[in-house]
Protein backbone atom coordinates (compact mmCIF):
# COMPACT_ATOMS: atom_id res chain seq x y z
CA MET A 1 18.02 17.68 27.80
CA SER A 2 17.34 17.07 31.44
CA GLY A 3 17.43 13.81 33.32
CA ILE A 4 15.30 10.80 32.53
CA ASP A 5 13.79 10.22 35.96
CA SER A 6 10.24 9.04 35.44
CA THR A 7 7.30 10.80 37.05
CA VAL A 8 5.17 7.65 36.79
CA ALA A 9 5.09 4.72 39.19
CA PHE A 10 5.45 1.82 36.74
CA ASP A 11 4.51 -1.52 38.36
CA HIS A 12 5.02 -5.04 37.00
CA ASN A 13 1.49 -5.77 35.73
CA ILE A 14 1.19 -2.53 33.79
CA SER A 15 4.69 -2.98 32.39
CA THR A 16 3.85 -6.50 31.15
CA PHE A 17 0.57 -5.37 29.59
CA PHE A 18 2.19 -2.45 27.80
CA SER A 19 5.12 -4.57 26.58
CA ILE A 20 2.78 -7.14 25.03
CA SER A 21 0.64 -4.39 23.47
CA ILE A 22 3.69 -2.67 21.94
CA GLY A 23 4.99 -5.99 20.57
CA VAL A 24 1.66 -6.84 18.93
CA LEU A 25 1.29 -3.34 17.49
CA PHE A 26 4.84 -3.44 16.15
CA VAL A 27 4.30 -6.72 14.29
CA LEU A 28 0.93 -5.63 12.90
CA GLY A 29 2.15 -2.15 12.02
CA VAL A 30 5.29 -3.23 10.18
CA SER A 31 3.51 -5.94 8.16
CA MET A 32 0.56 -3.70 7.22
CA HIS A 33 2.72 -0.73 6.27
CA VAL A 34 5.02 -2.88 4.13
CA LEU A 35 2.01 -4.22 2.24
CA SER A 36 0.51 -0.74 1.95
CA LEU A 37 3.72 0.72 0.53
CA LYS A 38 3.98 -2.13 -1.98
CA VAL A 39 0.39 -1.57 -3.09
CA LEU A 40 0.75 2.21 -3.35
CA LEU A 41 4.00 1.92 -5.32
CA HIS A 42 2.43 -0.57 -7.74
CA HIS A 43 1.94 0.70 -11.28
CA GLU A 44 -1.85 0.72 -10.81
CA HIS A 45 -1.61 3.34 -8.03
CA LYS A 46 1.75 4.93 -8.78
CA SER A 47 0.31 7.22 -11.44
CA ARG A 48 -2.48 8.50 -9.19
CA GLU A 49 -2.07 12.13 -8.20
CA LEU A 50 -2.89 11.64 -4.51
CA THR A 51 -0.76 8.52 -4.06
CA PRO A 52 2.37 10.47 -2.94
CA TYR A 53 0.40 11.89 0.01
CA LEU A 54 -0.64 8.42 1.16
CA VAL A 55 2.91 7.15 0.65
CA ASN A 56 4.25 9.98 2.81
CA VAL A 57 1.78 9.11 5.60
CA CYS A 58 2.75 5.42 5.48
CA LEU A 59 6.46 6.25 5.31
CA SER A 60 6.23 8.54 8.34
CA ASN A 61 4.46 5.89 10.39
CA PHE A 62 6.90 3.23 9.19
CA VAL A 63 9.91 5.28 10.30
CA CYS A 64 8.23 5.78 13.68
CA LEU A 65 7.63 2.03 13.99
CA LEU A 66 11.25 1.16 13.25
CA LEU A 67 12.90 3.83 15.42
CA GLN A 68 10.48 4.16 18.30
CA PHE A 69 8.71 0.89 19.05
CA PRO A 70 11.76 -1.35 19.68
CA LEU A 71 13.20 1.16 22.17
CA VAL A 72 9.83 1.60 23.89
CA PHE A 73 9.47 -2.17 24.13
CA VAL A 74 12.84 -2.51 25.88
CA ALA A 75 12.08 0.45 28.15
CA SER A 76 8.73 -1.04 29.18
CA ILE A 77 10.42 -4.33 30.06
CA GLN A 78 13.11 -2.50 32.05
CA LYS A 79 10.40 -0.30 33.67
CA GLY A 80 12.19 2.87 32.72
CA TRP A 81 14.88 4.48 30.59
CA THR A 82 17.83 4.07 32.93
CA PHE A 83 19.08 1.03 31.00
CA LEU A 84 18.84 2.65 27.52
CA GLY A 85 20.01 6.10 28.53
CA SER A 86 19.03 9.68 27.74
CA THR A 87 20.00 9.54 24.06
CA SER A 88 17.52 6.75 23.34
CA CYS A 89 14.87 8.64 25.27
CA TYR A 90 15.46 11.74 23.15
CA VAL A 91 15.33 9.72 19.91
CA VAL A 92 11.97 8.23 20.92
CA GLY A 93 10.51 11.60 21.93
CA MET A 94 11.63 13.43 18.81
CA THR A 95 10.65 10.59 16.45
CA CYS A 96 7.18 10.32 17.96
CA PHE A 97 6.32 14.01 17.69
CA ALA A 98 8.09 14.61 14.38
CA SER A 99 6.23 11.68 12.83
CA SER A 100 2.87 12.93 14.08
CA THR A 101 3.67 16.40 12.73
CA VAL A 102 4.53 14.98 9.30
CA VAL A 103 1.29 12.95 9.22
CA ILE A 104 -1.04 15.80 10.14
CA PHE A 105 0.70 18.29 7.81
CA THR A 106 0.48 15.77 4.97
CA LEU A 107 -3.24 15.29 5.61
CA ALA A 108 -3.74 19.05 5.65
CA SER A 109 -1.83 19.42 2.37
CA MET A 110 -3.87 16.59 0.87
CA SER A 111 -7.18 18.18 1.88
CA VAL A 112 -6.12 21.48 0.28
CA LYS A 113 -5.11 19.66 -2.91
CA ILE A 114 -8.45 17.82 -3.08
CA TYR A 115 -10.41 21.04 -2.59
CA HIS A 116 -8.60 22.96 -5.34
CA SER A 117 -8.80 20.02 -7.74
CA VAL A 118 -12.58 19.71 -7.27
CA ILE A 119 -13.22 23.46 -7.37
CA ASN A 120 -11.06 24.29 -10.38
CA GLN A 121 -11.91 21.11 -12.31
CA ASP A 122 -8.20 20.50 -12.98
CA MET A 123 -8.64 16.77 -12.57
CA GLY A 124 -6.15 16.04 -15.30
CA HIS A 125 -3.39 18.25 -13.91
CA HIS A 126 -0.49 16.51 -12.19
CA GLU A 127 1.50 18.44 -9.65
CA GLN A 128 5.27 18.36 -9.97
CA SER A 129 6.31 19.75 -6.56
CA PHE A 130 5.61 16.73 -4.36
CA LEU A 131 9.22 16.16 -3.45
CA ARG A 132 9.92 19.73 -2.35
CA LYS A 133 6.69 19.88 -0.38
CA PHE A 134 7.35 16.64 1.49
CA VAL A 135 10.99 17.49 2.15
CA PHE A 136 9.83 20.77 3.72
CA ILE A 137 7.29 18.92 5.89
CA TRP A 138 9.89 16.42 7.12
CA VAL A 139 12.49 19.09 7.86
CA PHE A 140 9.92 21.23 9.66
CA GLY A 141 8.69 18.22 11.68
CA PHE A 142 12.17 17.63 13.10
CA LEU A 143 13.28 21.28 13.39
CA ILE A 144 10.38 22.18 15.66
CA PHE A 145 11.83 19.92 18.39
CA ILE A 146 15.47 20.96 17.97
CA PRO A 147 15.10 23.79 20.58
CA THR A 148 14.83 21.14 23.32
CA LEU A 149 18.56 20.49 22.73
CA PHE A 150 19.41 24.10 23.61
CA GLY A 151 17.43 24.54 26.80
CA TRP A 152 14.00 25.62 25.53
CA ASN A 153 12.08 22.94 27.41
CA SER A 154 13.42 19.34 27.33
CA ILE A 155 12.62 15.72 26.53
CA VAL A 156 11.95 13.66 29.65
CA SER A 157 10.71 10.19 30.50
CA ASP A 158 6.99 9.75 30.98
CA GLY A 159 6.60 6.11 31.95
CA PRO A 160 7.13 3.88 28.90
CA PHE A 161 7.55 6.84 26.51
CA CYS A 162 9.54 10.04 26.33
CA THR A 163 7.94 13.40 25.72
CA VAL A 164 8.37 17.13 26.20
CA ASN A 165 8.52 18.22 29.80
CA TRP A 166 4.99 19.19 30.86
CA HIS A 167 6.22 20.01 34.39
CA ALA A 168 7.35 23.42 33.22
CA GLU A 169 8.29 25.70 36.08
CA SER A 170 9.24 28.72 34.00
CA PHE A 171 7.31 30.82 31.51
CA LEU A 172 9.90 30.07 28.81
CA ASP A 173 9.39 26.29 29.06
CA ALA A 174 5.60 26.69 29.16
CA SER A 175 5.65 28.91 26.07
CA TYR A 176 7.40 26.17 24.12
CA LEU A 177 4.58 23.76 24.99
CA PHE A 178 1.99 26.19 23.62
CA VAL A 179 4.03 26.73 20.44
CA VAL A 180 4.36 22.97 19.85
CA ALA A 181 0.66 22.35 20.54
CA PHE A 182 -0.55 25.05 18.16
CA VAL A 183 2.00 24.65 15.37
CA SER A 184 2.18 20.85 15.21
CA PHE A 185 -1.41 19.98 16.12
CA VAL A 186 -4.04 22.74 16.28
CA ILE A 187 -3.20 24.75 13.13
CA PRO A 188 -2.91 21.80 10.67
CA LEU A 189 -5.98 20.21 12.26
CA VAL A 190 -8.04 23.38 11.70
CA VAL A 191 -6.78 23.72 8.12
CA CYS A 192 -7.64 20.12 7.32
CA CYS A 193 -11.12 20.35 8.86
CA LEU A 194 -11.82 23.64 7.10
CA TYR A 195 -10.95 22.35 3.63
CA CYS A 196 -12.77 19.05 4.17
CA ILE A 197 -15.93 20.99 5.09
CA LYS A 198 -15.52 23.35 2.12
CA THR A 199 -15.08 20.43 -0.26
CA SER A 200 -18.14 18.66 1.13
CA ARG A 201 -20.30 21.79 0.85
CA TYR A 202 -19.18 22.47 -2.71
CA VAL A 203 -19.86 18.90 -3.83
CA SER A 204 -23.32 18.88 -2.23
CA ARG A 205 -24.39 22.26 -3.70
CA ASP A 206 -22.64 22.82 -7.03
CA THR A 207 -23.64 19.84 -9.14
CA HIS A 208 -24.59 21.74 -12.32
CA HIS A 209 -20.99 21.68 -13.62
CA VAL A 210 -20.98 17.88 -13.71
CA ALA A 211 -23.18 17.86 -16.82
CA THR A 212 -20.33 19.46 -18.82
CA PHE A 213 -17.69 16.96 -17.69
CA THR A 214 -16.35 14.12 -19.75
CA MET A 215 -16.58 10.57 -18.44
CA GLN A 216 -12.92 10.67 -17.44
CA GLN A 217 -13.44 13.88 -15.45
CA ILE A 218 -16.50 12.39 -13.73
CA ARG A 219 -14.49 9.32 -12.69
CA THR A 220 -11.60 11.46 -11.46
CA ARG A 221 -14.00 13.70 -9.55
CA ALA A 222 -15.47 10.64 -7.85
CA LEU A 223 -11.97 9.50 -6.90
CA TYR A 224 -11.18 12.90 -5.39
CA ILE A 225 -14.41 12.86 -3.38
CA SER A 226 -13.59 9.36 -2.13
CA ALA A 227 -10.09 10.53 -1.21
CA GLY A 228 -11.61 13.46 0.68
CA LYS A 229 -13.73 11.07 2.74
CA LEU A 230 -10.63 8.96 3.39
CA THR A 231 -8.73 12.03 4.56
CA ALA A 232 -11.57 13.03 6.89
CA VAL A 233 -11.69 9.56 8.49
CA VAL A 234 -7.90 9.36 8.94
CA LEU A 235 -7.85 12.85 10.44
CA SER A 236 -10.75 12.08 12.80
CA LEU A 237 -9.04 8.96 14.11
CA PHE A 238 -5.76 10.83 14.45
CA PHE A 239 -7.52 13.50 16.52
CA ILE A 240 -9.25 10.89 18.71
CA PHE A 241 -6.04 8.98 19.44
CA TRP A 242 -3.94 12.07 20.20
CA LEU A 243 -6.54 14.07 22.16
CA PRO A 244 -6.04 12.18 25.49
CA TYR A 245 -2.33 12.96 25.40
CA TRP A 246 -2.84 16.71 24.87
CA ILE A 247 -5.56 16.88 27.54
CA ASP A 248 -3.37 15.05 30.04
CA GLY A 249 -0.40 17.25 29.17
CA PHE A 250 -2.20 20.55 29.71
CA CYS A 251 -3.79 19.23 32.90
CA THR A 252 -0.29 18.42 34.11
CA LEU A 253 0.94 21.87 33.05
CA PHE A 254 -1.76 23.85 34.86
CA ALA A 255 -2.13 21.57 37.88
CA VAL A 256 1.67 21.14 38.24
CA ARG A 257 1.33 17.49 39.28
CA ARG A 258 4.56 15.78 40.23
CA THR A 259 3.19 12.27 39.67
CA LYS A 260 0.23 10.69 37.91
CA PRO A 261 -1.30 7.19 37.85
CA ALA A 262 0.58 4.70 35.75
CA SER A 263 -2.65 3.45 34.16
CA LEU A 264 -3.38 6.95 32.83
CA ALA A 265 0.08 7.31 31.31
CA VAL A 266 -0.09 3.87 29.72
CA LEU A 267 -3.58 4.55 28.33
CA CYS A 268 -2.49 7.83 26.72
CA TRP A 269 0.63 6.32 25.18
CA LEU A 270 -1.26 3.25 24.01
CA PHE A 271 -3.61 5.50 22.06
CA VAL A 272 -0.62 7.33 20.59
CA SER A 273 0.91 3.99 19.54
CA ILE A 274 -2.33 2.92 17.86
CA SER A 275 -2.31 6.16 15.86
CA VAL A 276 0.84 4.93 14.14
CA VAL A 277 -0.73 1.63 13.07
CA TYR A 278 -4.30 2.28 11.97
CA SER A 279 -3.89 4.09 8.62
CA PRO A 280 -3.46 0.95 6.40
CA MET A 281 -6.68 -0.44 7.88
CA VAL A 282 -8.53 2.74 6.85
CA PHE A 283 -7.04 2.58 3.35
CA THR A 284 -8.22 -1.02 3.00
CA LEU A 285 -11.74 -0.43 4.32
CA MET A 286 -12.50 2.80 2.45
CA ASN A 287 -10.73 2.41 -0.89
CA LYS A 288 -12.08 -0.28 -3.19
CA ARG A 289 -9.17 0.00 -5.62
CA PHE A 290 -6.65 -0.32 -2.78
CA ARG A 291 -8.55 -3.31 -1.38
CA ARG A 292 -8.60 -5.02 -4.77
CA SER A 293 -4.88 -4.43 -5.32
CA LEU A 294 -4.07 -5.73 -1.85
CA ALA A 295 -6.11 -8.90 -2.41
CA LYS A 296 -4.44 -9.36 -5.80
CA MET A 297 -1.01 -9.02 -4.20
CA LEU A 298 -1.78 -11.47 -1.38
CA TRP A 299 -3.04 -14.05 -3.87
CA ARG A 300 -0.58 -13.22 -6.64
CA GLN A 301 0.20 -16.83 -7.48
CA ARG A 302 -3.47 -17.62 -7.89
CA SER A 303 -4.83 -14.43 -9.41
CA HIS A 304 -1.95 -13.55 -11.73
CA ARG A 305 -1.30 -17.02 -13.07
CA ARG A 306 -1.69 -16.78 -16.82
CA VAL A 307 -2.11 -19.72 -19.13
CA ASN A 308 -0.17 -19.04 -22.30
CA PRO A 309 0.55 -22.44 -23.86
CA ARG A 310 2.96 -22.25 -26.75
CA ILE A 311 2.90 -25.64 -28.43
CA SER A 312 5.39 -26.63 -31.08
CA VAL A 313 5.44 -29.97 -32.85
CA ASP A 314 8.10 -31.51 -34.99
CA ARG A 315 7.71 -32.88 -38.48
CA PHE A 316 4.92 -35.37 -38.03
CA GLU A 317 3.35 -38.36 -39.63
CA SER A 318 -0.32 -39.23 -39.57
CA SER A 319 0.19 -42.67 -38.15
CA ASP A 320 -0.68 -43.45 -34.56
CA ALA A 321 2.78 -44.84 -33.95
CA ALA A 322 4.39 -41.51 -34.78
CA LEU A 323 1.86 -39.67 -32.61
CA SER A 324 2.38 -41.97 -29.63
CA SER A 325 6.14 -41.48 -29.88
CA CYS A 326 5.79 -37.74 -29.15
CA GLN A 327 6.92 -36.89 -25.64
CA ILE A 328 5.34 -33.91 -23.91
CA THR A 329 7.84 -31.98 -21.87
CA THR A 330 7.78 -28.62 -20.16
CA ARG A 331 10.08 -25.72 -20.81
CA ALA A 332 12.10 -24.57 -17.82
CA CYS A 333 11.02 -20.96 -18.28
CA SER A 334 7.30 -21.51 -17.66
CA PRO A 335 5.24 -24.35 -16.16
CA THR A 336 2.39 -23.68 -18.60
CA ASN A 337 4.30 -24.01 -21.90
CA PHE A 338 3.85 -27.57 -23.11
CA VAL A 339 6.26 -28.60 -25.89
CA PRO A 340 5.59 -31.94 -27.62
CA ARG A 341 8.87 -33.25 -29.00
CA SER A 342 9.77 -36.11 -31.30
CA PRO A 343 12.77 -38.33 -30.48
CA LEU A 344 13.58 -38.70 -34.19
CA VAL A 345 13.67 -35.16 -35.56
CA ASN A 346 15.04 -31.97 -33.98
CA ARG A 347 13.41 -29.42 -36.28
CA SER A 348 10.10 -27.98 -35.18
CA PHE A 349 7.52 -25.53 -36.46
CA LYS A 350 4.55 -23.65 -35.00
CA MET A 351 1.00 -24.50 -35.87
CA SER A 352 -1.38 -21.57 -36.09
CA VAL A 353 -4.25 -23.67 -34.76
CA PHE A 354 -2.57 -23.78 -31.38
CA GLU A 355 -1.99 -20.03 -31.39
CA ASP A 356 -5.73 -19.57 -31.96
CA VAL A 357 -6.47 -21.84 -29.03
CA THR A 358 -3.98 -19.87 -26.91
CA SER A 359 -5.66 -16.53 -27.67
CA GLU A 360 -9.06 -18.05 -26.88
CA ILE A 361 -7.82 -19.35 -23.52
CA VAL A 362 -6.30 -15.97 -22.64
CA SER A 363 -9.55 -14.17 -23.53
CA GLN A 364 -11.49 -16.43 -21.14
CA GLN A 365 -9.27 -15.83 -18.11
CA LYS A 366 -11.89 -13.78 -16.32
CA THR A 367 -14.39 -16.63 -16.32
CA LEU A 368 -12.00 -19.53 -15.84
CA GLN A 369 -10.36 -20.22 -12.51
CA ARG A 370 -6.83 -21.61 -12.91
CA PRO A 371 -7.28 -23.07 -16.44
CA GLU A 372 -4.82 -25.84 -17.20
CA LEU A 373 -4.05 -28.10 -20.11
CA THR A 374 -3.33 -31.66 -19.09
CA ASN A 375 -1.13 -34.01 -21.09
CA GLU A 376 -4.18 -35.96 -22.21
CA ALA A 377 -5.90 -32.80 -23.51
CA VAL A 378 -2.78 -31.73 -25.39
CA THR A 379 -2.45 -35.20 -26.88
CA ARG A 380 -6.05 -35.16 -28.11
CA LEU A 381 -5.52 -31.70 -29.54
CA ILE A 382 -2.42 -32.77 -31.41
CA ARG A 383 -4.12 -35.94 -32.66
CA SER A 384 -7.12 -34.05 -34.05
CA SER A 385 -4.88 -31.41 -35.66
CA LEU A 386 -2.70 -34.04 -37.29
CA HIS A 387 -5.76 -35.86 -38.56
CA ALA A 388 -7.19 -32.61 -40.01
CA ALA A 389 -3.86 -31.81 -41.67
CA HIS A 390 -3.68 -35.34 -43.14
CA GLU A 391 -7.22 -35.07 -44.56
CA LEU A 392 -6.39 -31.67 -46.00
CA HIS A 393 -3.30 -33.14 -47.65
CA GLU A 394 -5.38 -35.96 -49.19
CA ASP A 395 -7.95 -33.42 -50.45
CA TYR A 396 -5.21 -31.44 -52.16
CA ALA A 397 -3.77 -34.64 -53.70
CA SER A 398 -7.16 -35.78 -55.05
CA HIS A 399 -7.82 -32.28 -56.36
CA ASP A 400 -4.47 -32.25 -58.17
CA GLY A 401 -5.22 -35.70 -59.62
CA GLU A 402 -8.58 -34.64 -60.95
CA HIS A 403 -7.07 -31.48 -62.43
CA GLU A 404 -4.33 -33.50 -64.19
CA GLN A 405 -6.89 -35.99 -65.54
CA ARG A 406 -9.06 -33.13 -66.88
CA ARG A 407 -6.03 -31.55 -68.57
CA LYS A 408 -5.10 -34.79 -70.29
CA THR A 409 -8.66 -35.30 -71.47
CA THR A 410 -8.72 -31.78 -72.90
CA VAL A 411 -5.46 -32.27 -74.74
CA THR A 412 -6.68 -35.55 -76.19
């Protein structure tokens, strides 16, 4: 790797603007990717066949955020890489390009998977080679930039970032730039666009097979089509954000410019930085299931709060004095389990009437917002149940008395 002398005049105003931008993008990117990974690894999405592809995209961007953005932030404050050194510059350059390679290869692999699933109607088939495929993509993403360690081109400073050396003065260094551009950007981009177009054309023309599908296959087909649209949008934004960098790089290569405006360098690298952050926003806007799971996670305490009252009462008497002596306490394990207790007796038993009320409350969770049982409501419920039990006991006693009287009369 050659020296880290910058070819960009980096003044104070541009350095401050870029430092603030990188800090904001870092905070937003880390928080959004953490939430996205938690949602995708939730049991509702974990079983989905395309979830590993989205997880790999988020993981690649997350690694880039953690390894690249803090170093770039310090370098932008220091107005160069002299303070951090050449090793940090190389880590930033390799991480940036390896991460972008992993993302675009994952999107290409995902578009191929969607096409074959829709064409072959194997919507119920689950692939078992995700791990090997993703390991190959990650290894390939880093190996393609290893030659810069052995003299085939180099990683140099380009203002706030580090990148391959576009000021190539030999044919060997220039050939490496063409190899990197075609292998890590052009080829996977063409593959992804080709399969997205083929999937769209097949879905728009061949609709006669849908009549033979089951309802589950129709739902899965709709999910694959939605995932194809998501892939197309993510790929389009990736292309838009990276295109200024590639155009500027090849202009530098063919024009052999020794310097370039700092505003142009900052603009290109700002677009590249945004490309690391935007994917969770696209997932949220375009996937209804993802959006619902994210909202459920953010409001977990409110949405997932279940009322499951398990009420136990001790041996009771029908008098009001015994009822008023019951103390309603709460179990430590759950704030919604109300346990009326008597200070006189320790034994307790369950009443089925309360279990019926519990099942009815649970069945109405979708219509009730934060249902709660207050102490007064529980007291009234206990009072009415005790009264009903007392009346039932008196009915049984009167029935037994009448039966005994009839037996005696018959004997007489």
